[in-house]
């Protein structure tokens, strides 16, 4: 028979495991806002949390779809990070938003300089401006997260059960429940890419409210189980003479 101490220790371990699972699942590359109007310009904040306790994030590659190219792609320089873009030429040119696009940026890469890597418990935010936004349902922005040990996590999957979900910018399609993006901010093409990234304390991951609710619910269930265990233990305790 389990003693009260053993029972409470088991319950505590279960709580830690249950809490850790949703928190780990929420730590993925996201964009804010996650929705925009077709034909407009939008400024996106790309949030990159570090998931490893032993390795640092040293590079991020953000891939833009070449089948629906974006004519204007700009970025805010990030101190301590080197930014590079890759361009692709289209022959014949691709029509997008009433404009023929013969060349467009299809990839942005941020590489950390020594001492600026994203460490355990940290995240970094990168700001990009895109436009005109294609008149489509959604834009999948796949991301590759490179770690200091050479491993790469590809955030490129789609679907509700995706283990490594890609950041998605919803245009004509409605964002699924749980997404909390804002509408396009109306940034003009001539001024896009010159704004300062939002402070870390002002921006929360899109899934934070869901995670908090899940954690509180699990904590309530475990607290109830502990109360029942106390009652059973007290009932079985022999009465003193």
Protein backbone atom coordinates (compact mmCIF):
# COMPACT_ATOMS: atom_id res chain seq x y z
CA UNK A 1 0.00 0.00 0.00
CA UNK A 2 1.28 3.45 -0.84
CA UNK A 3 2.08 5.75 2.05
CA UNK A 4 0.73 9.31 2.00
CA UNK A 5 4.23 10.61 1.23
CA UNK A 6 4.60 8.31 -1.78
CA UNK A 7 1.10 9.17 -3.01
CA UNK A 8 1.69 12.92 -2.82
CA UNK A 9 5.08 12.58 -4.52
CA UNK A 10 3.47 10.68 -7.39
CA UNK A 11 0.75 13.29 -7.75
CA UNK A 12 3.33 16.07 -7.75
CA UNK A 13 5.36 14.35 -10.45
CA UNK A 14 2.23 13.91 -12.52
CA UNK A 15 1.44 17.60 -12.20
CA UNK A 16 4.92 18.60 -13.35
CA UNK A 17 4.70 16.27 -16.35
CA UNK A 18 1.24 17.49 -17.31
CA UNK A 19 2.28 21.15 -17.03
CA UNK A 20 5.54 20.67 -18.93
CA UNK A 21 3.88 18.98 -21.89
CA UNK A 22 1.63 21.85 -23.05
CA UNK A 23 4.34 24.42 -22.37
CA UNK A 24 6.82 22.56 -24.57
CA UNK A 25 4.26 22.17 -27.31
CA UNK A 26 3.63 25.93 -27.33
CA UNK A 27 7.28 26.86 -27.90
CA UNK A 28 7.36 27.19 -31.67
CA UNK A 29 8.14 29.87 -34.24
CA UNK A 30 5.16 32.23 -34.64
CA UNK A 31 4.23 35.43 -36.45
CA UNK A 32 2.22 38.41 -35.20
CA UNK A 33 -0.18 39.45 -36.59
CA UNK A 34 -1.32 36.24 -38.26
CA UNK A 35 -3.83 37.89 -40.63
CA UNK A 36 -3.68 40.56 -43.33
CA UNK A 37 -5.79 42.14 -46.06
CA UNK A 38 -5.15 41.14 -49.68
CA UNK A 39 -3.36 43.80 -51.69
CA UNK A 40 -2.08 45.63 -48.61
CA UNK A 41 1.22 45.80 -46.77
CA UNK A 42 1.78 44.24 -43.37
CA UNK A 43 4.60 44.31 -40.84
CA UNK A 44 5.17 40.95 -39.14
CA UNK A 45 7.01 40.10 -35.94
CA UNK A 46 8.64 36.67 -36.15
CA UNK A 47 9.10 35.25 -32.65
CA UNK A 48 11.73 32.53 -32.20
CA UNK A 49 11.89 30.78 -28.79
CA UNK A 50 14.81 28.51 -27.97
CA UNK A 51 13.57 24.99 -27.14
CA UNK A 52 16.86 23.37 -26.08
CA UNK A 53 18.25 23.37 -22.54
CA UNK A 54 21.81 22.72 -23.77
CA UNK A 55 22.06 24.28 -27.24
CA UNK A 56 21.53 27.79 -28.56
CA UNK A 57 19.66 28.98 -31.63
CA UNK A 58 22.23 30.42 -34.02
CA UNK A 59 20.25 30.94 -37.23
CA UNK A 60 16.73 31.27 -38.60
CA UNK A 61 15.69 30.83 -42.23
CA UNK A 62 12.25 32.17 -43.17
CA UNK A 63 11.06 30.86 -46.53
CA UNK A 64 8.49 32.74 -48.61
CA UNK A 65 6.41 30.84 -51.20
CA UNK A 66 7.63 31.24 -54.77
CA UNK A 67 4.29 30.27 -56.34
CA UNK A 68 2.72 33.43 -54.89
CA UNK A 69 5.71 35.82 -54.78
CA UNK A 70 5.68 39.06 -52.83
CA UNK A 71 6.97 42.12 -54.63
CA UNK A 72 8.28 44.04 -51.61
CA UNK A 73 10.09 42.29 -48.74
CA UNK A 74 12.00 44.36 -46.19
CA UNK A 75 13.45 43.75 -42.75
CA UNK A 76 14.51 45.70 -39.67
CA UNK A 77 18.25 45.25 -38.96
CA UNK A 78 18.82 43.32 -35.73
CA UNK A 79 21.94 44.20 -33.69
CA UNK A 80 24.18 41.16 -33.31
CA UNK A 81 22.59 39.34 -36.25
CA UNK A 82 23.59 39.23 -39.91
CA UNK A 83 20.64 39.29 -42.30
CA UNK A 84 20.73 37.89 -45.82
CA UNK A 85 18.05 37.52 -48.48
CA UNK A 86 17.77 35.19 -51.44
CA UNK A 87 16.00 36.28 -54.61
CA UNK A 88 14.44 34.15 -57.32
CA UNK A 89 13.85 35.13 -60.92
CA UNK A 90 10.64 34.14 -62.68
CA UNK A 91 10.49 33.49 -66.41
CA UNK A 92 7.82 34.13 -67.41
CA UNK A 93 6.94 36.78 -64.84
CA UNK A 94 4.28 35.98 -62.26
CA UNK A 95 1.17 38.16 -62.01
CA UNK A 96 0.36 39.22 -58.44
CA UNK A 97 -2.04 41.98 -57.43
CA UNK A 98 -2.16 43.39 -60.93
CA UNK A 99 1.65 43.58 -61.13
CA UNK A 100 4.04 41.41 -63.13
CA UNK A 101 6.78 40.13 -60.82
CA UNK A 102 9.96 38.99 -62.56
CA UNK A 103 12.09 38.73 -59.40
CA UNK A 104 11.27 38.48 -55.70
CA UNK A 105 12.77 37.63 -52.32
CA UNK A 106 12.01 34.00 -51.43
CA UNK A 107 14.11 33.58 -48.28
CA UNK A 108 15.38 35.67 -45.36
CA UNK A 109 18.14 34.35 -43.07
CA UNK A 110 19.25 35.74 -39.71
CA UNK A 111 22.60 34.47 -38.35
CA UNK A 112 23.76 35.28 -34.82
CA UNK A 113 27.15 36.77 -34.18
CA UNK A 114 29.15 35.32 -31.23
CA UNK A 115 27.46 36.26 -27.96
CA UNK A 116 24.07 37.00 -29.52
CA UNK A 117 22.72 33.46 -29.83
CA UNK A 118 19.28 32.65 -28.37
CA UNK A 119 19.94 30.63 -25.22
CA UNK A 120 17.93 28.44 -22.88
CA UNK A 121 14.75 30.19 -21.70
CA UNK A 122 15.20 33.02 -24.21
CA UNK A 123 13.51 34.15 -27.42
CA UNK A 124 14.23 36.69 -30.13
CA UNK A 125 11.96 38.69 -32.42
CA UNK A 126 12.64 39.72 -36.01
CA UNK A 127 10.59 42.25 -37.96
CA UNK A 128 9.76 42.05 -41.67
CA UNK A 129 7.47 43.97 -44.00
CA UNK A 130 5.60 42.21 -46.81
CA UNK A 131 3.43 43.48 -49.63
CA UNK A 132 1.35 43.56 -51.59
CA UNK A 133 -0.19 40.59 -49.80
CA UNK A 134 -1.38 38.00 -52.38
CA UNK A 135 -5.14 37.59 -52.82
CA UNK A 136 -5.19 33.98 -51.56
CA UNK A 137 -6.58 32.03 -48.61
CA UNK A 138 -3.35 31.94 -46.61
CA UNK A 139 0.40 32.31 -46.91
CA UNK A 140 2.58 29.59 -45.35
CA UNK A 141 5.93 30.96 -44.15
CA UNK A 142 8.11 27.94 -43.44
CA UNK A 143 10.98 28.40 -40.99
CA UNK A 144 14.17 26.44 -40.29
CA UNK A 145 15.65 26.89 -36.80
CA UNK A 146 19.38 26.06 -36.59
CA UNK A 147 21.01 25.08 -33.28
CA UNK A 148 24.62 25.35 -32.15
CA UNK A 149 25.13 21.56 -32.36
CA UNK A 150 24.25 21.58 -36.06
CA UNK A 151 20.72 20.24 -35.68
CA UNK A 152 17.83 21.90 -37.55
CA UNK A 153 14.15 22.03 -36.62
CA UNK A 154 11.97 22.68 -39.66
CA UNK A 155 8.74 24.49 -38.79
CA UNK A 156 7.04 23.56 -42.04
CA UNK A 157 4.01 21.39 -41.22
CA UNK A 158 0.37 22.42 -41.57
CA UNK A 159 -2.79 21.11 -39.94
CA UNK A 160 -4.22 21.15 -36.42
CA UNK A 161 -2.12 18.19 -35.22
CA UNK A 162 1.18 19.36 -36.72
CA UNK A 163 4.14 18.65 -34.44
CA UNK A 164 6.22 21.41 -36.03
CA UNK A 165 3.63 23.89 -37.38
CA UNK A 166 4.69 26.49 -39.92
CA UNK A 167 3.79 30.12 -39.28
CA UNK A 168 0.71 30.98 -41.38
CA UNK A 169 -0.51 34.41 -42.50
CA UNK A 170 -4.27 34.20 -43.06
CA UNK A 171 -5.60 36.42 -45.83
CA UNK A 172 -9.03 35.41 -47.16
CA UNK A 173 -9.27 32.34 -44.93
CA UNK A 174 -10.28 32.75 -41.30
CA UNK A 175 -7.65 31.94 -38.70
CA UNK A 176 -8.46 28.81 -36.65
CA UNK A 177 -9.63 29.15 -33.06
CA UNK A 178 -6.74 29.88 -30.75
CA UNK A 179 -4.99 32.28 -33.10
CA UNK A 180 -4.91 35.89 -31.92
CA UNK A 181 -3.46 37.92 -34.80
CA UNK A 182 -4.35 41.50 -35.59
CA UNK A 183 -5.41 42.94 -38.94
CA UNK A 184 -2.88 44.53 -41.25
CA UNK A 185 -1.46 47.74 -39.85
CA UNK A 186 -1.67 49.58 -43.17
CA UNK A 187 2.09 50.21 -43.37
CA UNK A 188 2.94 52.11 -46.53
CA UNK A 189 5.37 50.53 -48.98
CA UNK A 190 7.79 53.47 -48.71
CA UNK A 191 7.97 53.41 -44.90
CA UNK A 192 7.72 49.66 -44.30
CA UNK A 193 10.67 48.04 -42.62
CA UNK A 194 11.69 51.13 -40.62
CA UNK A 195 9.75 50.52 -37.43
CA UNK A 196 11.28 49.33 -34.19
CA UNK A 197 10.41 45.77 -33.12
CA UNK A 198 7.96 45.51 -30.24
CA UNK A 199 9.46 45.02 -26.79
CA UNK A 200 9.55 41.43 -25.56
CA UNK A 201 7.27 42.22 -22.63
CA UNK A 202 4.56 43.61 -24.92
CA UNK A 203 4.18 40.54 -27.11
CA UNK A 204 2.99 37.12 -25.97
CA UNK A 205 3.00 33.85 -27.95
CA UNK A 206 -0.27 33.24 -29.78
CA UNK A 207 -0.95 30.15 -27.73
CA UNK A 208 -0.18 31.60 -24.26
CA UNK A 209 -3.85 32.02 -23.13
CA UNK A 210 -4.59 28.43 -24.14
CA UNK A 211 -1.56 27.15 -22.28
CA UNK A 212 -2.43 29.09 -19.13
CA UNK A 213 -5.99 27.79 -19.14
CA UNK A 214 -4.73 24.24 -19.65
CA UNK A 215 -2.22 24.55 -16.80
CA UNK A 216 -4.79 25.97 -14.39
CA UNK A 217 -7.24 23.21 -15.28
CA UNK A 218 -4.66 20.50 -14.68
CA UNK A 219 -3.63 22.11 -11.39
CA UNK A 220 -7.26 22.08 -10.24
CA UNK A 221 -7.64 18.40 -11.05
CA UNK A 222 -4.47 17.47 -9.19
CA UNK A 223 -5.49 19.58 -6.18
CA UNK A 224 -8.79 17.72 -6.08
CA UNK A 225 -6.99 14.38 -6.25
CA UNK A 226 -4.78 15.39 -3.33
CA UNK A 227 -7.85 16.32 -1.29
CA UNK A 228 -9.40 12.91 -1.96
CA UNK A 229 -6.14 11.22 -0.98
CA UNK A 230 -6.10 13.10 2.32
CA UNK A 231 -9.67 11.99 3.01
CA UNK A 232 -8.89 8.34 2.31
CA UNK A 233 -5.76 8.42 4.45
CA UNK A 234 -7.58 10.02 7.38
CA UNK A 235 -10.42 7.47 7.13
CA UNK A 236 -7.98 4.54 7.23
CA UNK A 237 -5.93 5.88 10.12
CA UNK A 238 -6.70 3.87 13.27
CA UNK A 239 -8.31 5.76 16.09
CA UNK A 240 -6.06 6.49 19.06
CA UNK A 241 -6.94 5.00 22.47
